[in-house]
Amino acid sequence: MNTSFILKITPYRFFVILITSLFSIPVFGQTGLSSDSLFHNARDAAFKQKNYPLAIQLSRQALLQSPKYDDIRVFLGRLYTWNGKPDSARTELLTVLKQKPDSEDAALALTDLEYWSDNNKVALTYCDQGLQYHPGSTDLLIKKIKILKSEKRYMEAYQTALVLLQKNPANTDVRSLILDITDAASLNKVSVGYDFTWFDHGYGDYLHKSPWQIINVDYTRFTSLGSITGRVNYGKRFGNTAFQAEIDAYPHIMKGLYAYTNLGLSDVSSVFPHYRAGASLYATLPKSFELELGFRYLNFSNSTWIYVGGLSKYYKSFLFNARVTLVPGNHNISHSYTGTVRYYVGGADDYFYGNIGYGLSPDDANAVLAYNNGNVKLISKSATLGLKRSIKKLNVFSISASLLNQEYHVGQKGNQVEISVSYQRRF
């Protein structure tokens, strides 16, 4: 023993050492908590208090007790990532992978670290390493899709997303990614469509012998703010012909919230409304629901305001949508309802669909008959079957057939059959 050191301790120094020791005892006493308890406290410090330094300290204390506790070490790696210490994060996460190469959590954390650091190639390496052990991991596959998209490897990203969507059709994040990938890969698209409407004898010869026809051509440009579409419609109705110009936009407002806007102008109100406008907000809700609230404005010989609301739900390979339309009047409110079902057989552009409706929707081309006459309270029933299919990803064809039983005057009804076909090309 070094007696000279002991002799040099003055009463003052002895007092300082004693007080320091007393205050240190409770601190080390608290580390008597189990590693699980310390881990729990670390998570509270990170997520509830947003105190990353404290969370790091508690995690390190827990690892002193349980050095092979992988969950804590991965969490510590993420804490270092969030706290702007990527080198420390890599050290902890690579330690886990060295001890346990099949750790999905460590692969996910390393993939995030490198992806957020703009090291896409390294991130993809760790992501693929994780997928070797967990090929069906939704989280790893989604990260791989995002990395491939960032690297502009659109076809690989699309194919990966398609595989994941087939396994989990209700995953709205994947479906949204597919649209983003397609939009990023092809910033433009052109479409051409044709609608033919036949009327039975119930409408009289003036319609029975003069089917309606509409041809439309549009161009869409995808931007960082959303898509913008310009459209020209040429229509033949009631023995008249007319053009209509429209512009649609789907701006992104924030994550989980986007909008639809529409403006239209025509010169002959018996074919198209003189003016039309519309807007809707779409909000993504928990459990794969989506809510729509909006309005439509149509001006024929009279002006009509219409309010719409809808709710959509993804379930496995199905999309269900219910929609209500309200038209305020002088004495009461006219209303219509539509139910739609889609069954996806591939990507976002591959599905069968059908709908049934009661009343007329302002987005229905045949609504002109009711709104032009100023009588929106007449009874209408409809059913539609259709198919949309992509070929080689960039070509999309669609066809649908509708049957409409409509009261076009009080007590007078007729049947309509409408056939619609369209072709879309992305480039």
Protein backbone atom coordinates (compact mmCIF):
# COMPACT_ATOMS: atom_id res chain seq x y z
CA MET A 1 0.00 0.00 0.00
CA ASN A 2 1.23 3.51 -0.80
CA THR A 3 1.45 4.97 2.72
CA SER A 4 2.76 8.28 1.41
CA PHE A 5 -0.57 8.81 -0.41
CA ILE A 6 -2.52 8.16 2.79
CA LEU A 7 -0.34 10.57 4.75
CA LYS A 8 -1.00 13.27 2.16
CA ILE A 9 -4.81 13.12 2.73
CA THR A 10 -5.79 16.19 4.68
CA PRO A 11 -9.07 16.39 6.63
CA TYR A 12 -10.48 18.58 3.86
CA ARG A 13 -9.60 16.03 1.14
CA PHE A 14 -11.02 13.22 3.25
CA PHE A 15 -14.29 15.16 3.56
CA VAL A 16 -14.49 15.70 -0.21
CA ILE A 17 -13.84 11.99 -0.93
CA LEU A 18 -16.51 10.97 1.58
CA ILE A 19 -19.17 13.29 0.18
CA THR A 20 -18.38 12.19 -3.39
CA SER A 21 -18.70 8.56 -2.42
CA LEU A 22 -22.02 9.13 -0.69
CA PHE A 23 -23.48 10.86 -3.71
CA SER A 24 -22.19 8.12 -6.02
CA ILE A 25 -23.90 5.34 -4.10
CA PRO A 26 -27.48 6.14 -5.24
CA VAL A 27 -26.35 6.52 -8.84
CA PHE A 28 -24.79 3.07 -8.96
CA GLY A 29 -27.67 1.76 -6.91
CA GLN A 30 -30.05 2.71 -9.69
CA THR A 31 -28.09 0.62 -12.14
CA GLY A 32 -29.28 -2.30 -10.06
CA LEU A 33 -32.35 -2.15 -12.29
CA SER A 34 -32.58 -4.99 -14.74
CA SER A 35 -31.48 -4.48 -18.31
CA ASP A 36 -35.13 -4.78 -19.37
CA SER A 37 -36.11 -1.98 -16.98
CA LEU A 38 -33.27 0.20 -18.21
CA PHE A 39 -34.31 -0.53 -21.80
CA HIS A 40 -37.88 0.49 -20.95
CA ASN A 41 -36.64 3.73 -19.36
CA ALA A 42 -34.43 4.41 -22.37
CA ARG A 43 -37.38 4.10 -24.73
CA ASP A 44 -39.43 6.44 -22.55
CA ALA A 45 -36.57 8.94 -22.55
CA ALA A 46 -36.33 8.78 -26.37
CA PHE A 47 -39.99 8.71 -27.38
CA LYS A 48 -41.76 10.55 -24.58
CA GLN A 49 -39.12 13.00 -23.41
CA LYS A 50 -37.22 13.33 -26.72
CA ASN A 51 -34.06 13.18 -24.60
CA TYR A 52 -31.66 11.18 -26.78
CA PRO A 53 -28.53 11.72 -24.62
CA LEU A 54 -30.34 10.25 -21.59
CA ALA A 55 -31.71 7.39 -23.71
CA ILE A 56 -28.17 6.65 -24.95
CA GLN A 57 -26.81 6.67 -21.37
CA LEU A 58 -29.52 4.29 -20.14
CA SER A 59 -29.02 1.97 -23.14
CA ARG A 60 -25.28 1.81 -22.50
CA GLN A 61 -25.90 0.98 -18.86
CA ALA A 62 -28.24 -1.80 -19.92
CA LEU A 63 -25.61 -3.21 -22.28
CA LEU A 64 -23.05 -3.28 -19.48
CA GLN A 65 -25.35 -5.78 -17.79
CA SER A 66 -26.38 -7.66 -20.95
CA PRO A 67 -23.76 -7.19 -23.69
CA LYS A 68 -25.53 -9.65 -26.02
CA TYR A 69 -28.97 -8.06 -25.70
CA ASP A 70 -29.42 -7.39 -29.45
CA ASP A 71 -32.63 -5.37 -29.17
CA ILE A 72 -30.94 -2.84 -26.89
CA ARG A 73 -27.86 -2.58 -29.11
CA VAL A 74 -29.98 -2.04 -32.22
CA PHE A 75 -31.96 0.60 -30.35
CA LEU A 76 -28.71 2.27 -29.29
CA GLY A 77 -27.61 2.26 -32.93
CA ARG A 78 -30.82 3.99 -33.93
CA LEU A 79 -30.38 6.52 -31.12
CA TYR A 80 -26.92 7.38 -32.43
CA THR A 81 -28.43 7.72 -35.93
CA TRP A 82 -31.15 10.08 -34.73
CA ASN A 83 -28.61 12.03 -32.67
CA GLY A 84 -26.36 12.63 -35.70
CA LYS A 85 -23.60 10.17 -34.79
CA PRO A 86 -23.50 7.79 -37.77
CA ASP A 87 -20.07 6.30 -36.97
CA SER A 88 -21.15 5.26 -33.48
CA ALA A 89 -24.38 3.92 -34.95
CA ARG A 90 -22.50 1.76 -37.47
CA THR A 91 -20.27 0.37 -34.71
CA GLU A 92 -23.22 -0.82 -32.64
CA LEU A 93 -25.30 -2.16 -35.54
CA LEU A 94 -22.40 -3.99 -37.20
CA THR A 95 -21.64 -5.59 -33.84
CA VAL A 96 -25.13 -7.07 -33.88
CA LEU A 97 -24.80 -8.33 -37.45
CA LYS A 98 -21.44 -9.88 -36.66
CA GLN A 99 -22.94 -11.80 -33.74
CA LYS A 100 -26.24 -12.49 -35.47
CA PRO A 101 -26.14 -12.14 -39.29
CA ASP A 102 -29.88 -12.92 -39.60
CA SER A 103 -30.98 -9.98 -37.41
CA GLU A 104 -33.78 -8.29 -39.33
CA ASP A 105 -33.85 -5.29 -36.98
CA ALA A 106 -30.13 -4.63 -37.44
CA ALA A 107 -30.46 -4.89 -41.23
CA LEU A 108 -33.39 -2.47 -41.16
CA ALA A 109 -31.53 0.00 -38.95
CA LEU A 110 -28.36 -0.11 -41.09
CA THR A 111 -30.41 0.28 -44.25
CA ASP A 112 -32.09 3.37 -42.80
CA LEU A 113 -28.76 4.80 -41.62
CA GLU A 114 -27.11 4.51 -45.02
CA TYR A 115 -30.22 5.54 -46.98
CA TRP A 116 -30.63 8.69 -44.88
CA SER A 117 -26.91 9.36 -45.35
CA ASP A 118 -27.37 9.20 -49.16
CA ASN A 119 -25.28 6.01 -49.35
CA ASN A 120 -27.83 4.18 -51.48
CA LYS A 121 -25.55 1.41 -52.71
CA VAL A 122 -24.40 0.54 -49.19
CA ALA A 123 -27.99 0.72 -47.96
CA LEU A 124 -29.06 -1.70 -50.69
CA THR A 125 -26.31 -4.11 -49.66
CA TYR A 126 -27.56 -4.28 -46.08
CA CYS A 127 -31.16 -4.48 -47.26
CA ASP A 128 -30.37 -7.43 -49.54
CA GLN A 129 -28.44 -9.09 -46.74
CA GLY A 130 -31.52 -8.90 -44.56
CA LEU A 131 -33.72 -10.23 -47.35
CA GLN A 132 -31.49 -13.29 -47.71
CA TYR A 133 -32.67 -14.36 -44.27
CA HIS A 134 -36.15 -12.77 -44.40
CA PRO A 135 -37.27 -12.80 -48.06
CA GLY A 136 -40.88 -12.01 -47.14
CA SER A 137 -40.14 -9.02 -44.90
CA THR A 138 -42.53 -6.23 -45.85
CA ASP A 139 -40.40 -3.57 -44.14
CA LEU A 140 -37.20 -4.61 -45.93
CA LEU A 141 -38.95 -4.87 -49.29
CA ILE A 142 -40.47 -1.40 -48.94
CA LYS A 143 -37.05 0.02 -48.12
CA LYS A 144 -35.56 -1.74 -51.14
CA ILE A 145 -38.25 -0.26 -53.39
CA LYS A 146 -37.49 3.24 -52.12
CA ILE A 147 -33.73 2.78 -52.61
CA LEU A 148 -34.16 1.44 -56.15
CA LYS A 149 -36.46 4.34 -56.96
CA SER A 150 -33.87 6.81 -55.63
CA GLU A 151 -31.28 5.14 -57.86
CA LYS A 152 -33.68 5.49 -60.81
CA ARG A 153 -33.77 1.72 -61.25
CA TYR A 154 -37.47 2.00 -61.90
CA MET A 155 -38.14 -1.36 -63.49
CA GLU A 156 -36.50 -3.26 -60.60
CA ALA A 157 -38.38 -1.10 -58.11
CA TYR A 158 -41.65 -1.72 -59.93
CA GLN A 159 -41.14 -5.48 -60.08
CA THR A 160 -40.24 -5.63 -56.37
CA ALA A 161 -43.32 -3.59 -55.50
CA LEU A 162 -45.51 -5.81 -57.67
CA VAL A 163 -44.30 -8.95 -55.85
CA LEU A 164 -45.01 -7.34 -52.49
CA LEU A 165 -48.43 -6.09 -53.59
CA GLN A 166 -49.44 -9.58 -54.70
CA LYS A 167 -48.55 -10.87 -51.23
CA ASN A 168 -50.24 -7.99 -49.42
CA PRO A 169 -52.85 -6.34 -51.66
CA ALA A 170 -54.23 -4.21 -48.80
CA ASN A 171 -50.92 -2.37 -48.31
CA THR A 172 -51.72 1.17 -49.41
CA ASP A 173 -48.08 2.26 -48.97
CA VAL A 174 -46.99 -0.20 -51.66
CA ARG A 175 -49.77 0.83 -54.01
CA SER A 176 -48.78 4.46 -53.53
CA LEU A 177 -45.15 3.57 -54.21
CA ILE A 178 -46.12 1.86 -57.46
CA LEU A 179 -47.84 5.04 -58.62
CA ASP A 180 -44.80 7.11 -57.59
CA ILE A 181 -42.46 4.76 -59.43
CA THR A 182 -44.58 4.78 -62.57
CA ASP A 183 -44.87 8.55 -62.43
CA ALA A 184 -41.14 8.98 -61.88
CA ALA A 185 -40.27 6.60 -64.69
CA SER A 186 -42.63 8.23 -67.16
CA LEU A 187 -43.35 11.88 -66.53
CA ASN A 188 -45.91 12.12 -69.33
CA LYS A 189 -48.92 10.23 -70.56
CA VAL A 190 -51.43 10.67 -73.37
CA SER A 191 -54.87 9.10 -73.47
CA VAL A 192 -57.64 8.75 -75.99
CA GLY A 193 -61.14 7.56 -75.14
CA TYR A 194 -64.51 6.95 -76.77
CA ASP A 195 -67.97 6.77 -75.16
CA PHE A 196 -71.08 5.51 -76.96
CA THR A 197 -74.53 5.79 -75.39
CA TRP A 198 -77.61 4.06 -76.86
CA PHE A 199 -81.19 4.90 -75.81
CA ASP A 200 -84.16 2.56 -76.04
CA HIS A 201 -87.65 3.46 -77.36
CA GLY A 202 -88.64 4.85 -73.97
CA TYR A 203 -86.83 8.07 -74.81
CA GLY A 204 -88.52 8.63 -78.14
CA ASP A 205 -86.99 8.77 -81.59
CA TYR A 206 -85.11 12.01 -80.94
CA LEU A 207 -82.73 10.06 -78.72
CA HIS A 208 -83.34 6.47 -79.80
CA LYS A 209 -82.19 7.28 -83.32
CA SER A 210 -79.42 9.65 -82.24
CA PRO A 211 -76.99 7.89 -79.91
CA TRP A 212 -74.60 10.07 -77.94
CA GLN A 213 -70.92 9.96 -78.75
CA ILE A 214 -67.95 11.52 -76.99
CA ILE A 215 -64.30 11.44 -78.00
CA ASN A 216 -61.68 12.74 -75.60
CA VAL A 217 -57.94 13.28 -75.84
CA ASP A 218 -55.82 14.31 -72.89
CA TYR A 219 -52.22 14.90 -71.90
CA THR A 220 -50.91 14.53 -68.35
CA ARG A 221 -47.65 15.79 -66.92
CA PHE A 222 -46.40 14.52 -63.56
CA THR A 223 -44.63 17.12 -61.44
CA SER A 224 -43.17 17.22 -57.95
CA LEU A 225 -46.39 18.88 -56.77
CA GLY A 226 -48.72 16.37 -58.40
CA SER A 227 -50.20 15.60 -61.81
CA ILE A 228 -51.78 18.13 -64.19
CA THR A 229 -54.03 17.04 -67.07
CA GLY A 230 -55.32 19.02 -70.03
CA ARG A 231 -58.26 17.46 -71.88
CA VAL A 232 -60.34 18.19 -74.97
CA ASN A 233 -63.74 16.51 -75.34
CA TYR A 234 -65.73 16.41 -78.56
CA GLY A 235 -69.37 15.47 -78.06
CA LYS A 236 -72.46 14.80 -80.13
CA ARG A 237 -75.76 15.01 -78.23
CA PHE A 238 -79.33 16.05 -79.03
CA GLY A 239 -78.28 16.54 -82.66
CA ASN A 240 -75.69 19.12 -81.64
CA THR A 241 -71.91 18.95 -81.53
CA ALA A 242 -69.55 20.82 -79.26
CA PHE A 243 -66.09 20.94 -77.78
CA GLN A 244 -65.23 21.12 -74.12
CA ALA A 245 -61.84 22.03 -72.65
CA GLU A 246 -60.92 20.82 -69.18
CA ILE A 247 -57.97 20.91 -66.84
CA ASP A 248 -57.53 18.57 -63.86
CA ALA A 249 -54.91 18.63 -61.12
CA TYR A 250 -54.09 16.33 -58.21
CA PRO A 251 -51.79 18.41 -55.98
CA HIS A 252 -50.04 16.80 -52.99
CA ILE A 253 -50.63 18.90 -49.88
CA MET A 254 -48.84 16.83 -47.25
CA LYS A 255 -48.29 13.20 -46.38
CA GLY A 256 -51.65 11.47 -46.36
CA LEU A 257 -53.49 14.45 -47.85
CA TYR A 258 -53.98 15.39 -51.51
CA ALA A 259 -56.60 17.19 -53.58
CA TYR A 260 -58.50 17.03 -56.86
CA THR A 261 -59.40 20.18 -58.80
CA ASN A 262 -61.22 20.60 -62.12
CA LEU A 263 -62.18 23.45 -64.43
CA GLY A 264 -64.12 23.08 -67.69
CA LEU A 265 -65.53 25.32 -70.42
CA SER A 266 -67.82 24.64 -73.40
CA ASP A 267 -69.75 26.60 -76.00
CA VAL A 268 -72.98 24.54 -76.23
CA SER A 269 -74.80 23.78 -72.97
CA SER A 270 -77.00 21.05 -74.46
CA VAL A 271 -73.88 18.94 -75.03
CA PHE A 272 -71.66 19.98 -72.12
CA PRO A 273 -72.13 22.46 -69.28
CA HIS A 274 -71.05 25.98 -70.21
CA TYR A 275 -68.86 25.96 -67.11
CA ARG A 276 -67.91 23.32 -64.64
CA ALA A 277 -65.65 23.30 -61.61
CA GLY A 278 -64.90 20.89 -58.83
CA ALA A 279 -62.60 20.16 -55.93
CA SER A 280 -62.15 17.36 -53.42
CA LEU A 281 -59.81 16.66 -50.53
CA TYR A 282 -58.61 13.08 -49.97
CA ALA A 283 -57.25 12.08 -46.57
CA THR A 284 -55.60 8.77 -45.74
CA LEU A 285 -57.01 7.29 -42.53
CA PRO A 286 -55.83 4.42 -40.32
CA LYS A 287 -56.55 0.81 -41.30
CA SER A 288 -56.34 1.53 -45.07
CA PHE A 289 -59.32 3.90 -45.20
CA GLU A 290 -59.48 7.04 -47.34
CA LEU A 291 -61.97 9.90 -46.94
CA GLU A 292 -63.18 12.27 -49.68
CA LEU A 293 -65.02 15.57 -49.18
CA GLY A 294 -65.68 18.01 -52.00
CA PHE A 295 -68.03 19.92 -54.30
CA ARG A 296 -68.95 20.21 -57.98
CA TYR A 297 -70.41 23.20 -59.83
CA LEU A 298 -72.27 22.83 -63.13
CA ASN A 299 -73.71 25.64 -65.24
CA PHE A 300 -76.12 24.71 -68.02
CA SER A 301 -79.07 27.06 -68.42
CA ASN A 302 -79.07 27.10 -64.61
CA SER A 303 -76.33 26.79 -62.01
CA THR A 304 -76.16 23.78 -59.74
CA TRP A 305 -73.98 23.21 -56.67
CA ILE A 306 -73.33 19.62 -55.69
CA TYR A 307 -71.59 18.29 -52.58
CA VAL A 308 -69.87 14.90 -52.51
CA GLY A 309 -68.48 12.67 -49.80
CA GLY A 310 -66.89 9.27 -50.04
CA LEU A 311 -65.13 6.60 -48.03
CA SER A 312 -62.76 3.97 -49.45
CA LYS A 313 -61.28 0.87 -47.85
CA TYR A 314 -58.60 -1.54 -49.06
CA TYR A 315 -59.05 -5.15 -48.03
CA LYS A 316 -56.73 -7.82 -49.42
CA SER A 317 -57.07 -7.56 -53.24
CA PHE A 318 -60.21 -5.40 -53.04
CA LEU A 319 -60.95 -1.71 -52.91
CA PHE A 320 -64.41 -0.75 -51.65
CA ASN A 321 -65.83 2.73 -52.12
CA ALA A 322 -69.11 4.28 -51.01
CA ARG A 323 -70.05 7.74 -52.24
CA VAL A 324 -72.95 10.11 -51.61
CA THR A 325 -73.94 13.18 -53.64
CA LEU A 326 -76.16 15.95 -52.23
CA VAL A 327 -77.83 18.67 -54.30
CA PRO A 328 -79.57 21.38 -52.22
CA GLY A 329 -82.89 22.58 -53.69
CA ASN A 330 -85.53 25.14 -52.85
CA HIS A 331 -87.60 22.73 -50.78
CA ASN A 332 -85.48 19.66 -50.12
CA ILE A 333 -82.15 17.99 -50.92
CA SER A 334 -81.67 15.60 -53.80
CA HIS A 335 -79.30 12.75 -53.07
CA SER A 336 -77.62 9.91 -54.91
CA TYR A 337 -75.49 6.97 -53.84
CA THR A 338 -72.83 4.88 -55.55
CA GLY A 339 -71.02 1.76 -54.39
CA THR A 340 -67.89 0.60 -56.24
CA VAL A 341 -65.71 -2.51 -55.89
CA ARG A 342 -62.31 -3.06 -57.51
CA TYR A 343 -60.49 -6.38 -57.58
CA TYR A 344 -56.77 -5.97 -58.29
CA VAL A 345 -55.02 -8.66 -60.30
CA GLY A 346 -51.61 -7.02 -60.50
CA GLY A 347 -50.37 -3.44 -60.22
CA ALA A 348 -52.25 -0.22 -59.70
CA ASP A 349 -53.49 -0.28 -63.33
CA ASP A 350 -54.68 -3.90 -63.34
CA TYR A 351 -58.13 -4.52 -61.94
CA PHE A 352 -61.73 -5.49 -62.59
CA TYR A 353 -64.41 -3.20 -61.23
CA GLY A 354 -68.13 -2.83 -60.88
CA ASN A 355 -70.53 -0.36 -59.36
CA ILE A 356 -74.18 0.20 -58.68
CA GLY A 357 -75.80 3.55 -58.20
CA TYR A 358 -79.01 5.26 -57.25
CA GLY A 359 -79.41 8.80 -58.54
CA LEU A 360 -76.98 10.68 -60.79
CA SER A 361 -73.42 11.66 -59.95
CA PRO A 362 -72.14 15.02 -61.26
CA ASP A 363 -69.10 13.13 -62.59
CA ASP A 364 -71.38 10.93 -64.72
CA ALA A 365 -71.37 11.98 -68.39
CA ASN A 366 -75.07 11.13 -68.68
CA ALA A 367 -75.96 13.55 -65.88
CA VAL A 368 -76.33 16.22 -68.57
CA LEU A 369 -79.86 14.98 -69.28
CA ALA A 370 -81.05 15.74 -65.76
CA TYR A 371 -78.93 18.79 -64.92
CA ASN A 372 -79.62 20.43 -68.28
CA ASN A 373 -83.37 20.11 -67.64
CA GLY A 374 -82.96 21.53 -64.16
CA ASN A 375 -84.56 18.48 -62.54
CA VAL A 376 -82.07 16.57 -60.40
CA LYS A 377 -84.68 14.79 -58.29
CA LEU A 378 -85.67 12.25 -60.93
CA ILE A 379 -85.01 8.61 -60.12
CA SER A 380 -82.05 6.89 -61.75
CA LYS A 381 -80.55 3.42 -61.24
CA SER A 382 -77.32 2.20 -62.81
CA ALA A 383 -74.85 -0.69 -62.92
CA THR A 384 -71.38 -0.86 -64.49
CA LEU A 385 -68.79 -3.56 -65.16
CA GLY A 386 -65.30 -2.77 -66.38
CA LEU A 387 -61.70 -3.86 -66.79
CA LYS A 388 -58.45 -1.91 -66.72
CA ARG A 389 -55.27 -3.66 -67.78
CA SER A 390 -51.64 -2.67 -68.36
CA ILE A 391 -49.45 -4.22 -71.06
CA LYS A 392 -45.69 -3.93 -70.70
CA LYS A 393 -46.27 -1.43 -67.88
CA LEU A 394 -46.52 1.67 -70.09
CA ASN A 395 -49.65 0.79 -72.11
CA VAL A 396 -53.00 0.79 -70.30
CA PHE A 397 -56.30 -0.29 -71.87
CA SER A 398 -59.74 -0.04 -70.28
CA ILE A 399 -63.25 -1.02 -71.28
CA SER A 400 -66.56 -0.76 -69.45
CA ALA A 401 -70.27 -1.30 -70.05
CA SER A 402 -73.06 0.44 -68.14
CA LEU A 403 -76.81 0.01 -67.94
CA LEU A 404 -78.83 2.99 -66.74
CA ASN A 405 -82.56 3.09 -66.04
CA GLN A 406 -83.49 6.75 -65.85
CA GLU A 407 -86.60 8.78 -65.16
CA TYR A 408 -86.07 11.61 -67.63
CA HIS A 409 -89.51 13.21 -67.02
CA VAL A 410 -91.85 12.66 -64.10
CA GLY A 411 -93.40 9.23 -64.63
CA GLN A 412 -91.43 8.57 -67.83
CA LYS A 413 -88.48 6.20 -67.85
CA GLY A 414 -86.03 4.79 -70.36
CA ASN A 415 -82.96 2.60 -70.51
CA GLN A 416 -79.49 3.56 -71.66
CA VAL A 417 -76.52 1.38 -72.54
CA GLU A 418 -73.10 3.00 -72.50
CA ILE A 419 -69.85 1.47 -73.80
CA SER A 420 -66.55 3.15 -73.00
CA VAL A 421 -63.06 2.28 -74.24
CA SER A 422 -59.74 4.05 -73.73
CA TYR A 423 -56.03 3.68 -74.35
CA GLN A 424 -53.24 5.33 -72.36
CA ARG A 425 -49.55 5.53 -73.16
CA ARG A 426 -46.89 6.61 -70.67
CA PHE A 427 -43.54 8.00 -71.81
